């Protein structure tokens, strides 16, 4: 979309400097209300002068025709200084050549070329600076004018202000439901801003086109990008297209019916000519069938059968079947019911629910997480082992294992026995310094004496026996 900086800030050559894409953003904002010149590549006939009228665009797509009396070579997008009313104004060239004649006929511009306003020159830096300064005053002027209108009690809304390039004239666009006497307002505006004032009343659609916005389709409004003529839109356009008459959905940002309702109206009107008259009811023995809905794309019509017992039924019928039934009624034949003519719509059977992959288990992710965590831990341990083996110190230790001098002395077994005895003398709730020892059992007799007797030499036992004897 075209931003405000694109329309307010211009470079020396007239190119918008807001989006920095030199007017090639393809969004439609920089080239607002532009016309494609399909005759630009075709050369003019030999011996014939080119048409000297040029179409120039101003703020918010306002366009006018000017005469190029000095023969400047102008192209689309060039900025020019044109004749104002009074003074001078600056605009952008939008169309040149022979296509301007067709544009004048389409807009019903019957003014003779010699009576049109003239193009003075190409703008200088001073002209562009004055124009830029005048455009910068528009926003503040609009808000101050609104406050003046409120103080005077005028039932009007100032929607936009457009300054002339030389700053001598300002055009005020307003909307009002009734006739407004704004003579007092004009005097206050002229005294406050020292400009010539021109008031123009516009409609709600023109106001939306000047302000711009985003439509319900997600794109920029048609009235602010390319739509130039605003045709009347009625609710019959929605009826032809089988749309629900909901004002919230059918109304645009301007509060009126959407202009796009007229875009496809002719195609719907032509397609509905092939459908039978919806006002005619189909007669059956069960009761009359009244039309309630039509689908133009599927070529189907829905009828409501009004039975005598009060049980109504909706039956879908094809267009050919409806024509056949109306023909039978016209001949005096009344069918029993519409079941034989109804369209049998296939009912989509949803598949039965089955917990195939166990997605109902709430802890299925916890299991995978624990499994991953365990695998990562094993991988980390294996990696550390491999790193320790590859270290030079570990390799040297492996080489010296066979050397007895490098080995540490083993602990004495007597020290272990002493520790076991000390651990046995402790209380039941205490543990020994060695974590591998068990808690002592009071009922269990110490086995130290038994081991000692067994370890005595046989010679000593004989000596004791001899002494006794």
Protein backbone atom coordinates (compact mmCIF):
# COMPACT_ATOMS: atom_id res chain seq x y z
CA UNK A 1 0.00 0.00 0.00
CA UNK A 2 1.06 3.53 -0.52
CA UNK A 3 2.17 5.15 2.71
CA UNK A 4 1.69 8.78 3.64
CA UNK A 5 5.35 9.52 3.01
CA UNK A 6 4.97 8.46 -0.62
CA UNK A 7 2.36 11.16 -1.28
CA UNK A 8 3.82 13.89 0.92
CA UNK A 9 7.55 13.61 0.22
CA UNK A 10 8.90 13.85 -3.29
CA UNK A 11 12.43 14.01 -4.53
CA UNK A 12 13.73 16.64 -6.92
CA UNK A 13 12.66 14.64 -9.96
CA UNK A 14 9.17 13.90 -8.58
CA UNK A 15 9.89 10.29 -7.55
CA UNK A 16 8.37 9.31 -4.17
CA UNK A 17 11.05 8.71 -1.56
CA UNK A 18 8.90 7.02 1.07
CA UNK A 19 9.40 3.38 0.08
CA UNK A 20 12.81 3.93 -1.61
CA UNK A 21 11.78 1.73 -4.53
CA UNK A 22 11.44 4.54 -7.09
CA UNK A 23 7.75 3.88 -7.59
CA UNK A 24 8.20 0.21 -8.56
CA UNK A 25 6.76 -1.41 -5.43
CA UNK A 26 3.78 -2.74 -7.47
CA UNK A 27 1.41 -2.02 -4.59
CA UNK A 28 -0.68 0.55 -6.44
CA UNK A 29 -0.11 3.26 -3.86
CA UNK A 30 2.47 5.26 -5.79
CA UNK A 31 0.53 5.02 -9.07
CA UNK A 32 -2.91 5.71 -7.67
CA UNK A 33 -5.72 5.65 -10.23
CA UNK A 34 -3.15 5.02 -12.97
CA UNK A 35 -4.07 3.95 -16.51
CA UNK A 36 -2.04 1.49 -18.56
CA UNK A 37 -0.99 3.13 -21.82
CA UNK A 38 -1.18 0.28 -24.30
CA UNK A 39 -0.32 2.68 -27.16
CA UNK A 40 3.00 3.81 -25.70
CA UNK A 41 5.10 1.37 -27.77
CA UNK A 42 3.33 2.13 -31.05
CA UNK A 43 4.89 4.90 -33.15
CA UNK A 44 2.67 7.72 -34.36
CA UNK A 45 1.85 7.86 -38.10
CA UNK A 46 4.37 9.65 -40.23
CA UNK A 47 3.65 13.31 -40.76
CA UNK A 48 1.20 13.53 -37.85
CA UNK A 49 1.91 15.55 -34.73
CA UNK A 50 1.39 13.86 -31.38
CA UNK A 51 -1.62 14.84 -29.33
CA UNK A 52 -0.55 17.77 -27.15
CA UNK A 53 -3.00 17.16 -24.24
CA UNK A 54 -1.64 15.47 -21.11
CA UNK A 55 -3.46 13.97 -18.11
CA UNK A 56 -1.99 15.20 -14.82
CA UNK A 57 -2.68 13.66 -11.38
CA UNK A 58 -2.79 15.53 -8.06
CA UNK A 59 -3.41 14.51 -4.44
CA UNK A 60 -5.56 11.41 -3.79
CA UNK A 61 -6.05 10.58 -7.45
CA UNK A 62 -7.59 13.89 -8.54
CA UNK A 63 -6.88 14.26 -12.27
CA UNK A 64 -7.27 16.94 -14.90
CA UNK A 65 -6.26 17.57 -18.53
CA UNK A 66 -3.71 20.21 -19.54
CA UNK A 67 -2.34 21.37 -22.84
CA UNK A 68 1.37 21.03 -23.63
CA UNK A 69 1.75 24.17 -25.72
CA UNK A 70 5.56 24.40 -25.43
CA UNK A 71 6.16 20.89 -26.69
CA UNK A 72 7.94 19.40 -23.66
CA UNK A 73 8.91 15.74 -23.98
CA UNK A 74 6.88 14.37 -21.09
CA UNK A 75 6.69 10.81 -19.81
CA UNK A 76 4.64 9.06 -17.19
CA UNK A 77 5.76 10.07 -13.68
CA UNK A 78 7.30 13.44 -14.64
CA UNK A 79 6.41 16.38 -12.41
CA UNK A 80 5.16 19.56 -14.13
CA UNK A 81 4.05 23.05 -13.13
CA UNK A 82 0.56 23.72 -14.46
CA UNK A 83 -1.88 26.60 -14.45
CA UNK A 84 -3.98 26.90 -11.27
CA UNK A 85 -7.11 28.78 -10.33
CA UNK A 86 -5.51 31.19 -9.48
CA UNK A 87 -1.71 30.75 -9.34
CA UNK A 88 0.20 27.61 -10.21
CA UNK A 89 0.08 23.99 -9.11
CA UNK A 90 2.40 20.96 -9.34
CA UNK A 91 1.29 17.52 -10.45
CA UNK A 92 2.50 14.25 -11.96
CA UNK A 93 2.03 13.20 -15.57
CA UNK A 94 -0.12 10.05 -15.76
CA UNK A 95 -1.01 9.71 -19.45
CA UNK A 96 0.28 11.06 -22.75
CA UNK A 97 -0.29 10.46 -26.45
CA UNK A 98 -3.31 9.30 -28.38
CA UNK A 99 -4.81 7.43 -25.44
CA UNK A 100 -5.65 10.77 -23.82
CA UNK A 101 -8.37 11.24 -26.48
CA UNK A 102 -10.08 8.03 -25.41
CA UNK A 103 -9.74 9.04 -21.77
CA UNK A 104 -11.40 12.39 -22.43
CA UNK A 105 -14.30 10.66 -24.19
CA UNK A 106 -14.72 8.17 -21.35
CA UNK A 107 -14.81 10.95 -18.75
CA UNK A 108 -17.07 13.03 -20.98
CA UNK A 109 -14.65 15.92 -21.15
CA UNK A 110 -16.13 17.95 -23.99
CA UNK A 111 -13.91 21.01 -23.47
CA UNK A 112 -12.00 21.94 -26.61
CA UNK A 113 -8.20 21.47 -26.38
CA UNK A 114 -7.53 25.17 -26.96
CA UNK A 115 -9.70 26.07 -23.94
CA UNK A 116 -7.81 23.77 -21.55
CA UNK A 117 -5.33 25.04 -18.99
CA UNK A 118 -1.66 25.04 -19.93
CA UNK A 119 1.54 23.43 -18.70
CA UNK A 120 4.01 26.17 -17.80
CA UNK A 121 7.31 24.37 -17.22
CA UNK A 122 9.10 21.62 -15.37
CA UNK A 123 9.46 22.41 -11.66
CA UNK A 124 12.62 23.81 -10.14
CA UNK A 125 13.99 23.09 -6.68
CA UNK A 126 12.31 26.21 -5.32
CA UNK A 127 8.93 25.12 -6.72
CA UNK A 128 9.27 21.71 -5.08
CA UNK A 129 10.27 23.22 -1.72
CA UNK A 130 7.23 25.53 -1.69
CA UNK A 131 4.99 22.62 -2.71
CA UNK A 132 6.40 20.41 0.04
CA UNK A 133 5.88 23.14 2.64
CA UNK A 134 2.28 23.67 1.56
CA UNK A 135 1.53 19.94 1.73
CA UNK A 136 2.96 19.79 5.23
CA UNK A 137 0.37 22.30 6.49
CA UNK A 138 -2.64 20.23 5.39
CA UNK A 139 -2.94 17.99 8.46
CA UNK A 140 -2.89 20.81 11.02
CA UNK A 141 -5.26 22.91 8.92
CA UNK A 142 -7.80 20.07 8.76
CA UNK A 143 -7.91 19.63 12.56
CA UNK A 144 -8.16 23.36 13.24
CA UNK A 145 -10.99 23.66 10.72
CA UNK A 146 -12.87 20.83 12.41
CA UNK A 147 -12.66 22.68 15.72
CA UNK A 148 -14.00 25.83 14.05
CA UNK A 149 -16.96 23.90 12.60
CA UNK A 150 -17.78 22.41 16.01
CA UNK A 151 -17.71 25.83 17.69
CA UNK A 152 -20.07 27.22 15.02
CA UNK A 153 -22.41 24.24 15.47
CA UNK A 154 -22.24 23.09 11.85
CA UNK A 155 -23.39 19.54 11.09
CA UNK A 156 -20.52 18.72 8.74
CA UNK A 157 -17.26 16.77 8.77
CA UNK A 158 -14.06 18.08 7.20
CA UNK A 159 -12.53 14.92 5.77
CA UNK A 160 -9.57 16.28 3.80
CA UNK A 161 -7.69 19.48 2.86
CA UNK A 162 -5.65 20.03 -0.30
CA UNK A 163 -3.31 23.01 -0.67
CA UNK A 164 -2.27 24.37 -4.02
CA UNK A 165 1.45 24.14 -4.76
CA UNK A 166 2.03 27.89 -4.31
CA UNK A 167 0.09 27.93 -1.01
CA UNK A 168 -2.40 30.60 -2.16
CA UNK A 169 -5.47 28.37 -2.31
CA UNK A 170 -6.86 25.53 -0.20
CA UNK A 171 -9.70 23.15 -1.07
CA UNK A 172 -11.72 21.72 1.83
CA UNK A 173 -13.59 18.44 1.24
CA UNK A 174 -16.49 17.77 3.61
CA UNK A 175 -19.42 15.42 4.06
CA UNK A 176 -22.85 16.39 5.39
CA UNK A 177 -26.28 14.82 5.49
CA UNK A 178 -28.11 18.13 5.08
CA UNK A 179 -27.52 21.50 3.53
CA UNK A 180 -24.95 23.53 5.52
CA UNK A 181 -24.47 27.30 5.62
CA UNK A 182 -20.69 27.60 5.96
CA UNK A 183 -20.24 31.28 5.10
CA UNK A 184 -19.12 32.12 8.63
CA UNK A 185 -16.69 29.21 8.53
CA UNK A 186 -15.11 30.45 5.29
CA UNK A 187 -14.47 33.88 6.83
CA UNK A 188 -12.75 32.37 9.85
CA UNK A 189 -10.60 30.07 7.68
CA UNK A 190 -9.53 32.92 5.41
CA UNK A 191 -8.61 35.15 8.37
CA UNK A 192 -6.71 32.37 10.12
CA UNK A 193 -4.72 30.83 7.23
CA UNK A 194 -4.63 33.77 4.74
CA UNK A 195 -5.62 31.62 1.75
CA UNK A 196 -8.38 31.46 -0.78
CA UNK A 197 -10.96 28.91 0.38
CA UNK A 198 -12.93 26.48 -1.78
CA UNK A 199 -15.47 24.10 -0.24
CA UNK A 200 -16.40 20.81 -1.98
CA UNK A 201 -19.02 18.39 -0.74
CA UNK A 202 -18.34 14.71 -1.38
CA UNK A 203 -20.22 11.51 -0.62
CA UNK A 204 -19.37 8.69 1.75
CA UNK A 205 -17.79 6.61 -1.02
CA UNK A 206 -15.62 9.50 -2.23
CA UNK A 207 -14.52 10.12 1.35
CA UNK A 208 -13.44 6.48 1.77
CA UNK A 209 -11.60 6.72 -1.55
CA UNK A 210 -9.67 9.80 -0.44
CA UNK A 211 -8.80 8.45 3.01
CA UNK A 212 -8.06 4.86 1.92
CA UNK A 213 -8.02 1.72 4.03
CA UNK A 214 -8.14 -2.08 4.01
CA UNK A 215 -11.28 -3.92 2.98
CA UNK A 216 -12.71 -7.17 4.33
CA UNK A 217 -10.90 -9.02 1.52
CA UNK A 218 -7.54 -7.99 2.97
CA UNK A 219 -6.58 -5.71 0.09
CA UNK A 220 -6.59 -1.94 -0.32
CA UNK A 221 -9.97 -0.40 -1.06
CA UNK A 222 -11.03 -0.44 -4.70
CA UNK A 223 -12.30 3.13 -4.49
CA UNK A 224 -8.82 4.34 -3.45
CA UNK A 225 -6.79 2.37 -5.99
CA UNK A 226 -8.55 2.00 -9.35
CA UNK A 227 -12.33 2.59 -9.13
CA UNK A 228 -13.28 5.96 -10.60
CA UNK A 229 -17.04 5.82 -11.14
CA UNK A 230 -19.31 5.00 -8.20
CA UNK A 231 -22.45 3.25 -9.38
CA UNK A 232 -25.45 2.77 -7.15
CA UNK A 233 -25.55 -0.56 -5.31
CA UNK A 234 -28.93 -2.01 -4.27
CA UNK A 235 -29.93 -5.00 -2.18
CA UNK A 236 -31.17 -6.77 -5.33
CA UNK A 237 -27.52 -7.38 -6.23
CA UNK A 238 -27.16 -9.43 -3.06
CA UNK A 239 -30.41 -11.31 -3.77
CA UNK A 240 -29.27 -12.26 -7.27
CA UNK A 241 -26.05 -13.70 -5.81
CA UNK A 242 -27.94 -15.65 -3.11
CA UNK A 243 -26.27 -13.70 -0.27
CA UNK A 244 -27.75 -13.23 3.16
CA UNK A 245 -29.06 -9.71 3.69
CA UNK A 246 -26.78 -8.97 6.64
CA UNK A 247 -25.92 -5.26 6.72
CA UNK A 248 -22.76 -5.86 8.75
CA UNK A 249 -21.31 -8.13 6.05
CA UNK A 250 -22.62 -6.28 3.01
CA UNK A 251 -21.56 -2.78 4.11
CA UNK A 252 -18.08 -1.40 3.50
CA UNK A 253 -16.00 1.05 5.46
CA UNK A 254 -18.02 3.94 4.08
CA UNK A 255 -21.20 2.53 5.63
CA UNK A 256 -22.79 1.89 2.23
CA UNK A 257 -23.21 -1.36 0.34
CA UNK A 258 -19.94 -2.70 -1.04
CA UNK A 259 -19.10 -1.68 -4.58
CA UNK A 260 -17.83 -5.20 -5.32
CA UNK A 261 -21.42 -6.49 -5.23
CA UNK A 262 -21.79 -5.09 -8.76
CA UNK A 263 -18.66 -6.75 -10.14
CA UNK A 264 -20.17 -10.21 -10.79
CA UNK A 265 -23.81 -9.20 -10.93
CA UNK A 266 -24.06 -9.51 -14.73
CA UNK A 267 -22.67 -13.07 -14.71
CA UNK A 268 -25.14 -14.13 -12.02
CA UNK A 269 -28.02 -12.52 -13.90
CA UNK A 270 -27.10 -14.41 -17.09
CA UNK A 271 -26.74 -17.71 -15.23
CA UNK A 272 -30.11 -17.34 -13.48
CA UNK A 273 -31.87 -17.02 -16.84
CA UNK A 274 -31.36 -20.78 -17.29
CA UNK A 275 -33.11 -21.52 -13.97
CA UNK A 276 -36.91 -21.90 -13.69
CA UNK A 277 -39.08 -19.30 -12.00
CA UNK A 278 -38.67 -19.58 -8.24
CA UNK A 279 -42.11 -18.14 -7.58
CA UNK A 280 -43.82 -21.26 -8.91
CA UNK A 281 -44.47 -24.07 -6.42
CA UNK A 282 -44.27 -27.77 -7.26
CA UNK A 283 -47.52 -29.64 -6.55
CA UNK A 284 -47.37 -33.11 -5.01
CA UNK A 285 -49.91 -35.35 -3.31
CA UNK A 286 -48.18 -34.75 0.03
CA UNK A 287 -48.37 -30.98 -0.39
CA UNK A 288 -46.88 -28.03 -2.27
CA UNK A 289 -43.09 -27.62 -2.46
CA UNK A 290 -41.85 -24.03 -2.14
CA UNK A 291 -38.43 -22.83 -3.28
CA UNK A 292 -36.09 -21.73 -0.45
CA UNK A 293 -32.50 -21.76 -1.84
CA UNK A 294 -30.52 -21.91 -5.09
CA UNK A 295 -26.90 -22.89 -5.76
CA UNK A 296 -25.85 -21.36 -9.06
CA UNK A 297 -22.51 -23.16 -9.30
CA UNK A 298 -23.85 -26.66 -8.55
CA UNK A 299 -27.07 -25.98 -10.51
CA UNK A 300 -29.25 -27.20 -7.66
CA UNK A 301 -32.42 -25.92 -6.02
CA UNK A 302 -33.85 -26.72 -2.59
CA UNK A 303 -37.62 -27.00 -2.04
CA UNK A 304 -39.58 -27.18 1.20
CA UNK A 305 -42.46 -29.68 1.08
CA UNK A 306 -45.39 -28.42 3.18
CA UNK A 307 -47.16 -31.57 4.31
CA UNK A 308 -50.69 -31.64 5.66
CA UNK A 309 -49.66 -33.16 8.99
CA UNK A 310 -47.25 -30.32 9.60
CA UNK A 311 -44.04 -32.31 9.06
CA UNK A 312 -42.00 -30.31 6.58
CA UNK A 313 -39.07 -31.72 4.61
CA UNK A 314 -36.35 -30.04 2.52
CA UNK A 315 -35.56 -31.80 -0.75
CA UNK A 316 -32.57 -30.94 -3.05
CA UNK A 317 -33.38 -31.07 -6.77
CA UNK A 318 -31.39 -30.52 -9.93
CA UNK A 319 -32.48 -27.83 -12.36
CA UNK A 320 -33.53 -30.38 -15.01
CA UNK A 321 -35.68 -32.25 -12.50
CA UNK A 322 -37.38 -29.02 -11.41
CA UNK A 323 -38.20 -28.19 -15.02
CA UNK A 324 -39.56 -31.71 -15.51
CA UNK A 325 -41.78 -31.49 -12.41
CA UNK A 326 -43.16 -28.09 -13.41
CA UNK A 327 -43.94 -29.47 -16.86
CA UNK A 328 -45.81 -32.41 -15.32
CA UNK A 329 -47.83 -30.06 -13.11
CA UNK A 330 -48.69 -27.96 -16.13
CA UNK A 331 -50.04 -31.07 -17.91
CA UNK A 332 -52.11 -31.98 -14.87
CA UNK A 333 -49.91 -34.79 -13.54
CA UNK A 334 -49.23 -34.61 -9.83
CA UNK A 335 -46.49 -36.91 -8.50
CA UNK A 336 -46.84 -38.69 -5.18
CA UNK A 337 -43.69 -37.19 -3.63
CA UNK A 338 -40.26 -35.85 -4.55
CA UNK A 339 -38.18 -38.75 -3.26
CA UNK A 340 -37.74 -40.24 -6.72
CA UNK A 341 -36.48 -36.92 -8.11
CA UNK A 342 -34.31 -35.85 -5.17
CA UNK A 343 -30.53 -35.83 -5.34
CA UNK A 344 -28.98 -38.42 -3.09
CA UNK A 345 -26.05 -36.75 -1.40
CA UNK A 346 -23.28 -39.06 -0.30
CA UNK A 347 -22.79 -39.01 3.44
CA UNK A 348 -19.18 -38.97 4.48
CA UNK A 349 -18.60 -41.63 7.10
CA UNK A 350 -15.96 -40.64 9.55
CA UNK A 351 -13.50 -43.41 10.45
CA UNK A 352 -13.87 -45.00 13.87
CA UNK A 353 -11.43 -43.81 16.46
CA UNK A 354 -8.63 -46.21 17.30
CA UNK A 355 -5.67 -45.63 19.55
CA UNK A 356 -3.18 -47.12 17.13
CA UNK A 357 0.05 -45.45 18.22
CA UNK A 358 -0.81 -45.01 21.88
CA UNK A 359 -1.45 -41.33 21.79
CA UNK A 360 -3.85 -41.53 24.72
CA UNK A 361 -1.01 -42.36 27.11
CA UNK A 362 -0.12 -39.16 28.96
CA UNK A 363 3.32 -40.46 29.95
CA UNK A 364 4.43 -41.50 26.45
CA UNK A 365 6.80 -38.55 26.21
CA UNK A 366 8.28 -39.24 29.66
CA UNK A 367 9.32 -42.72 28.58
CA UNK A 368 11.06 -41.43 25.51
CA UNK A 369 12.75 -38.73 27.56
CA UNK A 370 14.08 -41.24 30.10
CA UNK A 371 15.29 -43.51 27.32
CA UNK A 372 17.09 -40.64 25.62
CA UNK A 373 18.60 -39.52 28.92
CA UNK A 374 19.91 -43.04 29.61
CA UNK A 375 21.39 -43.35 26.14
CA UNK A 376 23.06 -39.96 26.46
CA UNK A 377 24.57 -40.96 29.82
CA UNK A 378 25.95 -44.21 28.39
CA UNK A 379 27.38 -42.39 25.40
CA UNK A 380 28.99 -39.84 27.71
CA UNK A 381 30.60 -42.58 29.86
CA UNK A 382 31.93 -44.41 26.82
CA UNK A 383 33.35 -41.18 25.52
CA UNK A 384 35.14 -40.46 28.80
CA UNK A 385 36.62 -43.97 28.85
CA UNK A 386 37.94 -43.58 25.34
CA UNK A 387 39.44 -40.20 26.18
CA UNK A 388 41.20 -41.60 29.28
CA UNK A 389 42.65 -44.44 27.29
CA UNK A 390 44.00 -42.10 24.66
CA UNK A 391 45.81 -39.92 27.24
CA UNK A 392 49.65 -40.35 27.36
CA UNK A 393 49.63 -40.79 31.17
CA UNK A 394 47.26 -43.73 30.92
CA UNK A 395 49.47 -45.36 28.30
CA UNK A 396 52.54 -44.94 30.48
CA UNK A 397 50.71 -46.52 33.43
CA UNK A 398 49.77 -49.51 31.32
CA UNK A 399 53.38 -49.98 30.32
CA UNK A 400 54.63 -49.91 33.91
CA UNK A 401 52.15 -52.40 35.26
CA UNK A 402 54.64 -55.24 34.93
CA UNK A 403 57.27 -53.38 36.98
CA UNK A 404 57.00 -54.41 40.69
CA UNK A 405 58.84 -51.32 41.89
CA UNK A 406 56.14 -49.06 40.44
CA UNK A 407 53.33 -50.95 42.15
CA UNK A 408 52.03 -49.76 45.49
CA UNK A 409 52.41 -52.08 48.54
CA UNK A 410 49.34 -53.93 49.51
CA UNK A 411 47.66 -53.20 52.83
CA UNK A 412 48.43 -55.52 55.77
CA UNK A 413 45.73 -58.05 56.60
CA UNK A 414 46.26 -57.43 60.31
CA UNK A 415 45.09 -53.82 59.90
CA UNK A 416 41.92 -55.07 58.24
CA UNK A 417 41.26 -57.42 61.15
CA UNK A 418 41.74 -54.62 63.66
CA UNK A 419 39.28 -52.48 61.80
CA UNK A 420 36.75 -55.30 61.80
CA UNK A 421 37.12 -55.72 65.58
CA UNK A 422 36.74 -51.99 66.16
CA UNK A 423 33.64 -51.94 63.95
CA UNK A 424 32.14 -54.79 65.97
CA UNK A 425 32.50 -52.83 69.23
CA UNK A 426 30.40 -49.92 67.86
CA UNK A 427 26.71 -49.44 68.42
CA UNK A 428 24.10 -50.87 66.09
CA UNK A 429 23.09 -47.47 64.63
CA UNK A 430 26.67 -46.47 63.77
CA UNK A 431 28.60 -47.50 60.73
CA UNK A 432 32.30 -48.11 60.45
CA UNK A 433 34.64 -45.97 58.43
CA UNK A 434 34.77 -48.60 55.73
CA UNK A 435 31.49 -48.54 53.78
CA UNK A 436 31.94 -52.12 52.67
CA UNK A 437 31.73 -53.54 56.26
CA UNK A 438 28.45 -54.81 57.61
CA UNK A 439 26.81 -53.86 60.90
CA UNK A 440 27.99 -56.01 63.87
CA UNK A 441 25.71 -58.71 65.26
CA UNK A 442 25.65 -59.16 69.06
CA UNK A 443 24.53 -62.77 68.97
CA UNK A 444 27.31 -63.74 66.68
CA UNK A 445 30.53 -64.86 68.43
CA UNK A 446 33.79 -63.46 67.24
CA UNK A 447 35.74 -65.94 65.17
CA UNK A 448 39.15 -64.57 66.02
CA UNK A 449 39.98 -67.15 68.78
CA UNK A 450 38.91 -70.06 66.62
CA UNK A 451 41.15 -68.94 63.87
CA UNK A 452 44.01 -68.53 66.29
CA UNK A 453 43.63 -72.08 67.69
CA UNK A 454 43.50 -73.49 64.23
CA UNK A 455 46.60 -71.59 63.23
CA UNK A 456 48.73 -72.97 66.18
CA UNK A 457 51.55 -75.26 65.22
CA UNK A 458 51.16 -78.94 66.01
CA UNK A 459 54.35 -78.98 67.98
CA UNK A 460 53.09 -76.64 70.57
CA UNK A 461 49.98 -78.71 71.22
CA UNK A 462 52.05 -81.79 72.00
CA UNK A 463 54.24 -79.85 74.41
CA UNK A 464 51.21 -78.75 76.41
CA UNK A 465 49.97 -82.30 76.68
CA UNK A 466 53.27 -83.50 78.03
CA UNK A 467 53.29 -80.88 80.70
CA UNK A 468 49.89 -82.03 81.90
CA UNK A 469 51.02 -85.54 82.09
